[in-house]
C-alpha atoms as a PDB file:
ATOM      1  CA  MET A   1      27.377  10.268  11.802  1.00  0.00           C
ATOM      2  CA  PRO A   2      24.279  10.060   9.679  1.00  0.00           C
ATOM      3  CA  SER A   3      24.610   9.443   5.937  1.00  0.00           C
ATOM      4  CA  ASP A   4      25.076  12.535   3.777  1.00  0.00           C
ATOM      5  CA  LYS A   5      22.264  11.087   1.575  1.00  0.00           C
ATOM      6  CA  VAL A   6      19.765  11.975   4.288  1.00  0.00           C
ATOM      7  CA  LYS A   7      18.018  15.179   4.001  1.00  0.00           C
ATOM      8  CA  MET A   8      15.392  16.101   6.496  1.00  0.00           C
ATOM      9  CA  LEU A   9      12.854  17.774   4.296  1.00  0.00           C
ATOM     10  CA  PHE A  10      10.778  19.486   6.931  1.00  0.00           C
ATOM     11  CA  GLU A  11      12.221  21.564   9.703  1.00  0.00           C
ATOM     12  CA  LYS A  12       9.414  20.906  12.227  1.00  0.00           C
ATOM     13  CA  LYS A  13      10.684  18.605  14.968  1.00  0.00           C
ATOM     14  CA  THR A  14       8.538  15.601  15.647  1.00  0.00           C
ATOM     15  CA  LYS A  15       8.431  12.651  18.068  1.00  0.00           C
ATOM     16  CA  SER A  16       8.548  10.388  15.023  1.00  0.00           C
ATOM     17  CA  ILE A  17      11.070   7.693  14.452  1.00  0.00           C
ATOM     18  CA  VAL A  18      10.475   7.896  10.750  1.00  0.00           C
ATOM     19  CA  LYS A  19      13.201   9.481   8.662  1.00  0.00           C
ATOM     20  CA  VAL A  20      12.950  10.994   5.178  1.00  0.00           C
ATOM     21  CA  LEU A  21      15.567  10.528   2.433  1.00  0.00           C
ATOM     22  CA  GLU A  22      15.428  12.462  -0.721  1.00  0.00           C
ATOM     23  CA  ASP A  23      16.455  10.521  -3.751  1.00  0.00           C
ATOM     24  CA  LYS A  24      18.797  12.172  -6.193  1.00  0.00           C
ATOM     25  CA  GLU A  25      20.360  11.307  -9.426  1.00  0.00           C
ATOM     26  CA  ASP A  26      23.890  11.017  -8.002  1.00  0.00           C
ATOM     27  CA  ILE A  27      22.790   8.350  -5.549  1.00  0.00           C
ATOM     28  CA  ASN A  28      23.715   5.087  -7.031  1.00  0.00           C
ATOM     29  CA  LYS A  29      22.674   2.700  -4.285  1.00  0.00           C
ATOM     30  CA  TYR A  30      21.133   2.580  -0.822  1.00  0.00           C
ATOM     31  CA  GLU A  31      22.458   0.362   2.044  1.00  0.00           C
ATOM     32  CA  ARG A  32      19.953  -1.697   3.953  1.00  0.00           C
ATOM     33  CA  ASP A  33      20.765   0.033   7.323  1.00  0.00           C
ATOM     34  CA  GLU A  34      20.256   3.445   6.074  1.00  0.00           C
ATOM     35  CA  ILE A  35      16.643   2.819   4.626  1.00  0.00           C
ATOM     36  CA  ILE A  36      15.190   0.907   7.531  1.00  0.00           C
ATOM     37  CA  ASN A  37      12.143   2.868   8.919  1.00  0.00           C
ATOM     38  CA  ALA A  38      12.532   5.522   6.296  1.00  0.00           C
ATOM     39  CA  ILE A  39      10.480   7.179   3.602  1.00  0.00           C
ATOM     40  CA  ILE A  40      12.243   7.668   0.347  1.00  0.00           C
ATOM     41  CA  LEU A  41      11.016  10.575  -1.500  1.00  0.00           C
ATOM     42  CA  GLY A  42      11.237  10.003  -5.277  1.00  0.00           C
ATOM     43  CA  ASP A  43      10.222   7.847  -8.213  1.00  0.00           C
ATOM     44  CA  ALA A  44       9.678   4.177  -7.154  1.00  0.00           C
ATOM     45  CA  LEU A  45      10.927   2.619 -10.485  1.00  0.00           C
ATOM     46  CA  LYS A  46      14.247   4.573 -10.101  1.00  0.00           C
ATOM     47  CA  ILE A  47      14.643   4.032  -6.338  1.00  0.00           C
ATOM     48  CA  LEU A  48      13.905   0.255  -6.419  1.00  0.00           C
ATOM     49  CA  LYS A  49      16.900  -0.197  -8.752  1.00  0.00           C
ATOM     50  CA  LYS A  50      19.140   1.275  -6.053  1.00  0.00           C
ATOM     51  CA  LEU A  51      18.087  -1.065  -3.302  1.00  0.00           C
ATOM     52  CA  PRO A  52      19.981  -4.202  -2.281  1.00  0.00           C
ATOM     53  CA  PRO A  53      18.561  -7.482  -3.502  1.00  0.00           C
ATOM     54  CA  LYS A  54      16.692  -9.947  -1.429  1.00  0.00           C
ATOM     55  CA  ILE A  55      16.137  -7.778   1.714  1.00  0.00           C
ATOM     56  CA  PHE A  56      12.451  -7.663   2.128  1.00  0.00           C
ATOM     57  CA  ASP A  57      10.284 -10.149   4.073  1.00  0.00           C
ATOM     58  CA  MET A  58       6.989  -8.818   2.610  1.00  0.00           C
ATOM     59  CA  VAL A  59       5.890  -6.175   0.083  1.00  0.00           C
ATOM     60  CA  PHE A  60       2.575  -4.460  -0.031  1.00  0.00           C
ATOM     61  CA  ILE A  61       1.620  -2.749  -3.221  1.00  0.00           C
ATOM     62  CA  ASP A  62      -1.310  -0.396  -3.710  1.00  0.00           C
ATOM     63  CA  PRO A  63      -0.825   0.729  -7.321  1.00  0.00           C
ATOM     64  CA  PRO A  64      -2.854   3.069  -9.462  1.00  0.00           C
ATOM     65  CA  TYR A  65      -6.133   1.466 -10.431  1.00  0.00           C
ATOM     66  CA  PHE A  66      -6.369   3.100 -13.794  1.00  0.00           C
ATOM     67  CA  LEU A  67      -9.997   3.803 -13.216  1.00  0.00           C
ATOM     68  CA  GLN A  68     -10.596   5.817 -16.371  1.00  0.00           C
ATOM     69  CA  LEU A  69     -13.432   7.744 -14.834  1.00  0.00           C
ATOM     70  CA  PRO A  70     -15.180  10.301 -16.878  1.00  0.00           C
ATOM     71  CA  LYS A  71     -15.091  13.756 -15.289  1.00  0.00           C
ATOM     72  CA  LYS A  72     -18.628  14.317 -14.066  1.00  0.00           C
ATOM     73  CA  THR A  73     -20.174  15.868 -11.085  1.00  0.00           C
ATOM     74  CA  LEU A  74     -22.116  13.561  -8.721  1.00  0.00           C
ATOM     75  CA  ARG A  75     -24.051  14.842  -5.884  1.00  0.00           C
ATOM     76  CA  ARG A  76     -25.380  12.937  -2.813  1.00  0.00           C
ATOM     77  CA  TRP A  77     -29.085  12.442  -2.904  1.00  0.00           C
ATOM     78  CA  LYS A  78     -30.080  14.169   0.333  1.00  0.00           C
ATOM     79  CA  VAL A  79     -27.442  16.677   1.324  1.00  0.00           C
ATOM     80  CA  LYS A  80     -26.399  17.500  -2.424  1.00  0.00           C
ATOM     81  CA  THR A  81     -22.785  17.698  -1.589  1.00  0.00           C
ATOM     82  CA  VAL A  82     -20.349  16.737  -4.456  1.00  0.00           C
ATOM     83  CA  VAL A  83     -18.848  13.266  -4.356  1.00  0.00           C
ATOM     84  CA  GLU A  84     -15.080  13.247  -4.483  1.00  0.00           C
ATOM     85  CA  GLY A  85     -14.023  10.691  -7.054  1.00  0.00           C
ATOM     86  CA  VAL A  86     -10.564   9.463  -8.021  1.00  0.00           C
ATOM     87  CA  TYR A  87      -9.389  11.912 -10.630  1.00  0.00           C
ATOM     88  CA  ASP A  88      -5.706  12.174  -9.426  1.00  0.00           C
ATOM     89  CA  ASP A  89      -2.870  12.448 -11.943  1.00  0.00           C
ATOM     90  CA  TRP A  90      -1.270   9.390 -10.476  1.00  0.00           C
ATOM     91  CA  ASP A  91      -4.165   7.324 -11.797  1.00  0.00           C
ATOM     92  CA  LYS A  92      -3.907   8.476 -15.366  1.00  0.00           C
ATOM     93  CA  PHE A  93      -2.251   6.541 -18.141  1.00  0.00           C
ATOM     94  CA  SER A  94      -2.591   7.023 -21.846  1.00  0.00           C
ATOM     95  CA  SER A  95      -3.398   3.385 -22.582  1.00  0.00           C
ATOM     96  CA  PHE A  96      -3.582  -0.125 -21.192  1.00  0.00           C
ATOM     97  CA  GLU A  97      -0.148  -0.705 -22.796  1.00  0.00           C
ATOM     98  CA  GLU A  98       1.311   2.058 -20.813  1.00  0.00           C
ATOM     99  CA  TYR A  99      -0.269   0.892 -17.497  1.00  0.00           C
ATOM    100  CA  ASP A 100       0.754  -2.689 -18.129  1.00  0.00           C
ATOM    101  CA  ASN A 101       4.333  -1.645 -18.721  1.00  0.00           C
ATOM    102  CA  PHE A 102       4.412   0.261 -15.429  1.00  0.00           C
ATOM    103  CA  ILE A 103       3.070  -2.661 -13.531  1.00  0.00           C
ATOM    104  CA  GLN A 104       5.538  -5.057 -15.170  1.00  0.00           C
ATOM    105  CA  SER A 105       8.519  -2.747 -14.496  1.00  0.00           C
ATOM    106  CA  LEU A 106       7.458  -2.415 -10.809  1.00  0.00           C
ATOM    107  CA  LEU A 107       6.958  -6.151 -10.298  1.00  0.00           C
ATOM    108  CA  LEU A 108      10.277  -6.957 -11.918  1.00  0.00           C
ATOM    109  CA  GLU A 109      12.087  -4.780  -9.394  1.00  0.00           C
ATOM    110  CA  ILE A 110       9.894  -5.886  -6.482  1.00  0.00           C
ATOM    111  CA  LYS A 111      10.837  -9.497  -7.256  1.00  0.00           C
ATOM    112  CA  ARG A 112      14.458  -8.649  -7.210  1.00  0.00           C
ATOM    113  CA  VAL A 113      14.407  -7.115  -3.696  1.00  0.00           C
ATOM    114  CA  MET A 114      12.158  -9.840  -2.129  1.00  0.00           C
ATOM    115  CA  LYS A 115      13.842 -12.527  -0.059  1.00  0.00           C
ATOM    116  CA  ASP A 116      13.471 -16.047  -1.462  1.00  0.00           C
ATOM    117  CA  ASN A 117      10.711 -16.876   0.911  1.00  0.00           C
ATOM    118  CA  ALA A 118       9.065 -13.452   0.957  1.00  0.00           C
ATOM    119  CA  THR A 119       5.462 -12.777  -0.011  1.00  0.00           C
ATOM    120  CA  VAL A 120       3.909  -9.908  -1.886  1.00  0.00           C
ATOM    121  CA  TRP A 121       0.480  -8.379  -1.683  1.00  0.00           C
ATOM    122  CA  VAL A 122      -1.228  -6.393  -4.384  1.00  0.00           C
ATOM    123  CA  ILE A 123      -4.618  -4.689  -4.063  1.00  0.00           C
ATOM    124  CA  ALA A 124      -6.843  -3.349  -6.782  1.00  0.00           C
ATOM    125  CA  THR A 125     -10.421  -3.103  -8.060  1.00  0.00           C
ATOM    126  CA  TYR A 126     -11.935  -4.940 -10.954  1.00  0.00           C
ATOM    127  CA  HIS A 127     -10.578  -2.184 -13.207  1.00  0.00           C
ATOM    128  CA  SER A 128      -7.056  -3.675 -13.103  1.00  0.00           C
ATOM    129  CA  ILE A 129      -6.706  -6.578 -10.734  1.00  0.00           C
ATOM    130  CA  PHE A 130      -7.102  -9.082 -13.550  1.00  0.00           C
ATOM    131  CA  ARG A 131      -4.422  -7.439 -15.658  1.00  0.00           C
ATOM    132  CA  ILE A 132      -2.082  -7.358 -12.659  1.00  0.00           C
ATOM    133  CA  GLY A 133      -2.741 -11.006 -11.954  1.00  0.00           C
ATOM    134  CA  LYS A 134      -1.949 -12.033 -15.488  1.00  0.00           C
ATOM    135  CA  ILE A 135       1.349  -9.912 -15.398  1.00  0.00           C
ATOM    136  CA  MET A 136       2.332 -11.543 -12.130  1.00  0.00           C
ATOM    137  CA  GLN A 137       1.787 -15.060 -13.486  1.00  0.00           C
ATOM    138  CA  ASP A 138       3.646 -14.122 -16.727  1.00  0.00           C
ATOM    139  CA  LEU A 139       6.544 -12.966 -14.632  1.00  0.00           C
ATOM    140  CA  GLY A 140       6.613 -16.247 -12.650  1.00  0.00           C
ATOM    141  CA  PHE A 141       5.017 -15.237  -9.382  1.00  0.00           C
ATOM    142  CA  TRP A 142       3.029 -18.022  -7.799  1.00  0.00           C
ATOM    143  CA  ILE A 143      -0.421 -16.834  -6.498  1.00  0.00           C
ATOM    144  CA  LEU A 144      -1.192 -18.255  -2.987  1.00  0.00           C
ATOM    145  CA  ASN A 145      -4.592 -16.596  -2.586  1.00  0.00           C
ATOM    146  CA  ASP A 146      -6.897 -13.857  -3.601  1.00  0.00           C
ATOM    147  CA  VAL A 147      -8.391 -12.136  -0.560  1.00  0.00           C
ATOM    148  CA  ILE A 148     -11.756 -10.414  -1.074  1.00  0.00           C
ATOM    149  CA  TRP A 149     -12.259  -7.191   1.032  1.00  0.00           C
ATOM    150  CA  VAL A 150     -15.982  -6.705   1.405  1.00  0.00           C
ATOM    151  CA  LYS A 151     -16.651  -3.102   2.303  1.00  0.00           C
ATOM    152  CA  THR A 152     -19.358  -2.560   4.877  1.00  0.00           C
ATOM    153  CA  ASN A 153     -19.746   1.098   3.782  1.00  0.00           C
ATOM    154  CA  PRO A 154     -18.905   1.145   0.056  1.00  0.00           C
ATOM    155  CA  MET A 155     -19.390   4.194  -2.217  1.00  0.00           C
ATOM    156  CA  PRO A 156     -23.155   4.426  -2.982  1.00  0.00           C
ATOM    157  CA  ASN A 157     -24.426   3.361  -6.433  1.00  0.00           C
ATOM    158  CA  TRP A 158     -25.275   6.944  -7.631  1.00  0.00           C
ATOM    159  CA  LEU A 159     -26.370   6.193 -11.147  1.00  0.00           C
ATOM    160  CA  GLY A 160     -28.134   2.839 -10.582  1.00  0.00           C
ATOM    161  CA  VAL A 161     -26.942   1.325 -13.911  1.00  0.00           C
ATOM    162  CA  ARG A 162     -24.873  -1.526 -12.469  1.00  0.00           C
ATOM    163  CA  PHE A 163     -24.270  -3.387  -9.292  1.00  0.00           C
ATOM    164  CA  THR A 164     -22.779  -1.426  -6.250  1.00  0.00           C
ATOM    165  CA  ASN A 165     -18.977  -2.052  -6.204  1.00  0.00           C
ATOM    166  CA  ALA A 166     -18.476  -3.172  -2.685  1.00  0.00           C
ATOM    167  CA  THR A 167     -15.374  -5.152  -2.997  1.00  0.00           C
ATOM    168  CA  GLU A 168     -11.623  -4.925  -3.660  1.00  0.00           C
ATOM    169  CA  THR A 169      -9.258  -7.857  -4.356  1.00  0.00           C
ATOM    170  CA  LEU A 170      -5.806  -8.513  -2.825  1.00  0.00           C
ATOM    171  CA  ILE A 171      -3.537 -11.042  -4.522  1.00  0.00           C
ATOM    172  CA  TRP A 172      -1.071 -12.726  -2.180  1.00  0.00           C
ATOM    173  CA  ALA A 173       1.876 -14.381  -3.891  1.00  0.00           C
ATOM    174  CA  VAL A 174       5.442 -15.719  -3.726  1.00  0.00           C
ATOM    175  CA  LYS A 175       8.220 -15.295  -6.217  1.00  0.00           C
ATOM    176  CA  ASP A 176       7.666 -18.655  -7.886  1.00  0.00           C
ATOM    177  CA  LYS A 177       6.033 -22.025  -7.545  1.00  0.00           C
ATOM    178  CA  SER A 178       8.991 -23.508  -5.718  1.00  0.00           C
ATOM    179  CA  VAL A 179       9.001 -21.253  -2.675  1.00  0.00           C
ATOM    180  CA  LYS A 180       8.619 -22.896   0.718  1.00  0.00           C
ATOM    181  CA  ASN A 181       8.709 -21.695   4.255  1.00  0.00           C
ATOM    182  CA  TYR A 182       6.967 -18.318   3.639  1.00  0.00           C
ATOM    183  CA  THR A 183       5.315 -16.787   6.689  1.00  0.00           C
ATOM    184  CA  PHE A 184       1.611 -17.591   7.217  1.00  0.00           C
ATOM    185  CA  ASN A 185       0.165 -16.986  10.650  1.00  0.00           C
ATOM    186  CA  ARG A 186      -2.799 -19.362  10.532  1.00  0.00           C
ATOM    187  CA  GLU A 187      -4.339 -18.321  13.902  1.00  0.00           C
ATOM    188  CA  TYR A 188      -4.682 -14.722  12.736  1.00  0.00           C
ATOM    189  CA  ALA A 189      -6.116 -15.882   9.506  1.00  0.00           C
ATOM    190  CA  LYS A 190      -8.738 -17.709  11.401  1.00  0.00           C
ATOM    191  CA  GLU A 191      -9.525 -14.632  13.583  1.00  0.00           C
ATOM    192  CA  PHE A 192      -9.860 -12.382  10.514  1.00  0.00           C
ATOM    193  CA  GLY A 193     -11.728 -14.554   8.081  1.00  0.00           C
ATOM    194  CA  MET A 194     -15.405 -15.669   7.949  1.00  0.00           C
ATOM    195  CA  GLY A 195     -16.223 -18.585  10.123  1.00  0.00           C
ATOM    196  CA  LYS A 196     -13.607 -20.671  11.809  1.00  0.00           C
ATOM    197  CA  VAL A 197     -11.539 -21.723   8.802  1.00  0.00           C
ATOM    198  CA  GLY A 198      -9.529 -18.617   8.032  1.00  0.00           C
ATOM    199  CA  SER A 199     -11.375 -17.886   4.779  1.00  0.00           C
ATOM    200  CA  ASN A 200     -10.155 -15.503   2.175  1.00  0.00           C
ATOM    201  CA  VAL A 201     -13.013 -12.976   2.853  1.00  0.00           C
ATOM    202  CA  TRP A 202     -12.366  -9.868   4.944  1.00  0.00           C
ATOM    203  CA  VAL A 203     -15.429  -7.758   5.943  1.00  0.00           C
ATOM    204  CA  LEU A 204     -14.408  -4.251   7.148  1.00  0.00           C
ATOM    205  CA  PRO A 205     -15.230  -0.526   6.465  1.00  0.00           C
ATOM    206  CA  ILE A 206     -13.365   1.769   4.148  1.00  0.00           C
ATOM    207  CA  CYS A 207     -11.274   4.470   5.734  1.00  0.00           C
ATOM    208  CA  SER A 208     -13.556   7.105   7.259  1.00  0.00           C
ATOM    209  CA  GLY A 209     -14.312   9.281  10.206  1.00  0.00           C
ATOM    210  CA  ARG A 210     -11.269  10.354  12.417  1.00  0.00           C
ATOM    211  CA  GLU A 211      -9.076   7.960  10.555  1.00  0.00           C
ATOM    212  CA  ARG A 212      -9.465   9.621   7.211  1.00  0.00           C
ATOM    213  CA  LEU A 213      -6.731  12.262   6.755  1.00  0.00           C
ATOM    214  CA  LYS A 214      -8.290  15.764   5.692  1.00  0.00           C
ATOM    215  CA  ASP A 215      -6.610  19.122   5.065  1.00  0.00           C
ATOM    216  CA  GLU A 216      -7.586  22.435   6.615  1.00  0.00           C
ATOM    217  CA  LYS A 217     -10.450  22.719   4.094  1.00  0.00           C
ATOM    218  CA  GLY A 218     -11.880  19.374   5.050  1.00  0.00           C
ATOM    219  CA  LYS A 219     -10.870  17.715   1.799  1.00  0.00           C
ATOM    220  CA  LYS A 220      -9.431  14.256   1.659  1.00  0.00           C
ATOM    221  CA  VAL A 221      -5.584  14.261   1.625  1.00  0.00           C
ATOM    222  CA  HIS A 222      -5.535  11.032  -0.475  1.00  0.00           C
ATOM    223  CA  SER A 223      -8.473   9.696  -2.480  1.00  0.00           C
ATOM    224  CA  THR A 224      -7.807   5.983  -1.805  1.00  0.00           C
ATOM    225  CA  GLN A 225      -6.435   5.906   1.720  1.00  0.00           C
ATOM    226  CA  LYS A 226      -6.497   2.379   2.979  1.00  0.00           C
ATOM    227  CA  PRO A 227      -7.789   1.560   6.464  1.00  0.00           C
ATOM    228  CA  ILE A 228      -5.556   0.630   9.342  1.00  0.00           C
ATOM    229  CA  GLU A 229      -7.540  -2.503   9.933  1.00  0.00           C
ATOM    230  CA  LEU A 230      -6.858  -3.833   6.407  1.00  0.00           C
ATOM    231  CA  LEU A 231      -3.026  -3.373   6.817  1.00  0.00           C
ATOM    232  CA  LYS A 232      -3.190  -4.864  10.299  1.00  0.00           C
ATOM    233  CA  ARG A 233      -4.635  -8.021   8.796  1.00  0.00           C
ATOM    234  CA  VAL A 234      -2.152  -8.140   5.929  1.00  0.00           C
ATOM    235  CA  ILE A 235       0.850  -7.700   8.254  1.00  0.00           C
ATOM    236  CA  LEU A 236      -0.251 -10.014  11.107  1.00  0.00           C
ATOM    237  CA  THR A 237      -1.117 -12.839   8.790  1.00  0.00           C
ATOM    238  CA  SER A 238       2.048 -12.757   6.624  1.00  0.00           C
ATOM    239  CA  THR A 239       4.971 -11.388   8.710  1.00  0.00           C
ATOM    240  CA  LYS A 240       6.756 -11.887  11.946  1.00  0.00           C
ATOM    241  CA  GLU A 241       8.025  -9.293  14.525  1.00  0.00           C
ATOM    242  CA  GLY A 242      11.281  -7.682  13.339  1.00  0.00           C
ATOM    243  CA  ASP A 243      10.473  -8.372   9.629  1.00  0.00           C
ATOM    244  CA  LEU A 244      11.220  -5.778   6.912  1.00  0.00           C
ATOM    245  CA  ILE A 245       8.278  -4.656   4.918  1.00  0.00           C
ATOM    246  CA  LEU A 246       8.302  -2.522   1.642  1.00  0.00           C
ATOM    247  CA  ASP A 247       5.600  -0.291   0.332  1.00  0.00           C
ATOM    248  CA  PRO A 248       6.912   1.227  -2.919  1.00  0.00           C
ATOM    249  CA  LEU A 249       3.772   3.385  -3.555  1.00  0.00           C
ATOM    250  CA  ALA A 250       3.164   4.455  -0.065  1.00  0.00           C
ATOM    251  CA  GLY A 251       0.660   7.369  -0.373  1.00  0.00           C
ATOM    252  CA  VAL A 252      -0.066   8.542   3.047  1.00  0.00           C
ATOM    253  CA  GLY A 253       1.950   5.788   4.701  1.00  0.00           C
ATOM    254  CA  THR A 254      -0.613   3.452   6.302  1.00  0.00           C
ATOM    255  CA  THR A 255       1.660   0.364   5.640  1.00  0.00           C
ATOM    256  CA  GLY A 256       4.621   1.755   7.569  1.00  0.00           C
ATOM    257  CA  TYR A 257       2.440   3.346  10.239  1.00  0.00           C
ATOM    258  CA  VAL A 258       0.857   0.045  11.067  1.00  0.00           C
ATOM    259  CA  ALA A 259       4.050  -1.960  10.594  1.00  0.00           C
ATOM    260  CA  HIS A 260       5.733   0.257  13.209  1.00  0.00           C
ATOM    261  CA  ALA A 261       2.847  -0.222  15.710  1.00  0.00           C
ATOM    262  CA  LEU A 262       3.155  -4.051  15.266  1.00  0.00           C
ATOM    263  CA  ASN A 263       6.972  -4.133  15.868  1.00  0.00           C
ATOM    264  CA  ARG A 264       7.840  -4.543  12.189  1.00  0.00           C
ATOM    265  CA  ASN A 265      10.371  -2.503  10.235  1.00  0.00           C
ATOM    266  CA  PHE A 266       9.468  -0.799   7.002  1.00  0.00           C
ATOM    267  CA  VAL A 267      10.715   1.113   3.941  1.00  0.00           C
ATOM    268  CA  MET A 268       8.195   3.389   2.100  1.00  0.00           C
ATOM    269  CA  ILE A 269       8.731   5.079  -1.239  1.00  0.00           C
ATOM    270  CA  GLU A 270       6.530   8.028  -2.203  1.00  0.00           C
ATOM    271  CA  LYS A 271       7.025  10.787  -4.847  1.00  0.00           C
ATOM    272  CA  ASN A 272       4.523  13.275  -3.744  1.00  0.00           C
ATOM    273  CA  PRO A 273       6.076  15.661  -1.035  1.00  0.00           C
ATOM    274  CA  GLU A 274       2.582  16.485   0.334  1.00  0.00           C
ATOM    275  CA  TYR A 275       1.900  12.919   1.039  1.00  0.00           C
ATOM    276  CA  VAL A 276       5.229  12.583   2.717  1.00  0.00           C
ATOM    277  CA  LYS A 277       4.409  15.562   5.032  1.00  0.00           C
ATOM    278  CA  TRP A 278       1.256  13.761   5.998  1.00  0.00           C
ATOM    279  CA  ILE A 279       3.089  10.614   6.765  1.00  0.00           C
ATOM    280  CA  GLN A 280       5.393  12.477   9.201  1.00  0.00           C
ATOM    281  CA  LYS A 281       2.319  13.895  10.729  1.00  0.00           C
ATOM    282  CA  ARG A 282       0.792  10.560  11.307  1.00  0.00           C
ATOM    283  CA  PHE A 283       3.972   9.365  13.015  1.00  0.00           C
ATOM    284  CA  GLU A 284       3.751  12.277  15.526  1.00  0.00           C
ATOM    285  CA  LYS A 285       0.847  10.306  17.030  1.00  0.00           C
ATOM    286  CA  PRO A 286       2.031   6.689  17.511  1.00  0.00           C
ATOM    287  CA  LEU A 287      -0.589   4.122  16.631  1.00  0.00           C
ATOM    288  CA  ASN A 288      -1.411   1.650  19.569  1.00  0.00           C
ATOM    289  CA  LEU A 289      -2.732  -1.533  18.235  1.00  0.00           C
ATOM    290  CA  ARG A 290      -1.602  -3.832  21.042  1.00  0.00           C
ATOM    291  CA  GLY A 291      -4.770  -3.439  22.976  1.00  0.00           C
ATOM    292  CA  LYS A 292      -6.847  -4.181  19.877  1.00  0.00           C
ATOM    293  CA  LEU A 293      -5.376  -7.569  18.973  1.00  0.00           C
END
């Protein structure tokens, strides 16, 4: 019999293997078996405290960037359509202090649920990656690499007052300096990096075209949806088949979607019900990456 904690939120039947758990105040803890290949709907900081310790082989975190963008209308030069920036509520914080406290609280719980030899990836732009890196080091994480994602189709430089921002940075780390025997698949690293040495530079486009999720009005479902290719590289270089991967801020679920296609298990946490619906829609159409490796 399935756990009584499981509530299928949407009546539509799908071919998906993904299940949805709705977190509630009266749930004190989750068992490992019930959360495998599940989306947990709720607040990540609350849910992480309920997860068993040391169960994840890898964690991927795509946190709010705290872009602090002024609300202004930008139009494309030729077609004059409006540019959709990142003005979502989830990216708004009252101060750097509030943002730093959120990141620290998140990382403390992440560290607790990581296996001793697990690795963690965190992606961000220049707006916040340096703050995140400092917090990680202050908490004892040992940074293995930064990986630079060079975007082949970055957002154009509309105002022309600074360099075009064509990169994002991923920090790859372990729990502390003493960690050994973490997973690193060198052959994949050599395939994805520049040249033959497995360098820490990945050149690939941002999510666009048919891969970009859009609603019935043609509007982006998620303003910072990550490309499948990016998560494929993260997962193949730092996990093994059968590993358990956590994404605590899942958005529209690219991490779990790619993990499943690569024979890994996953747990995703997301508090926006609309994003969870879209994750379920994605799993109705299984992703075939085997022929692309």
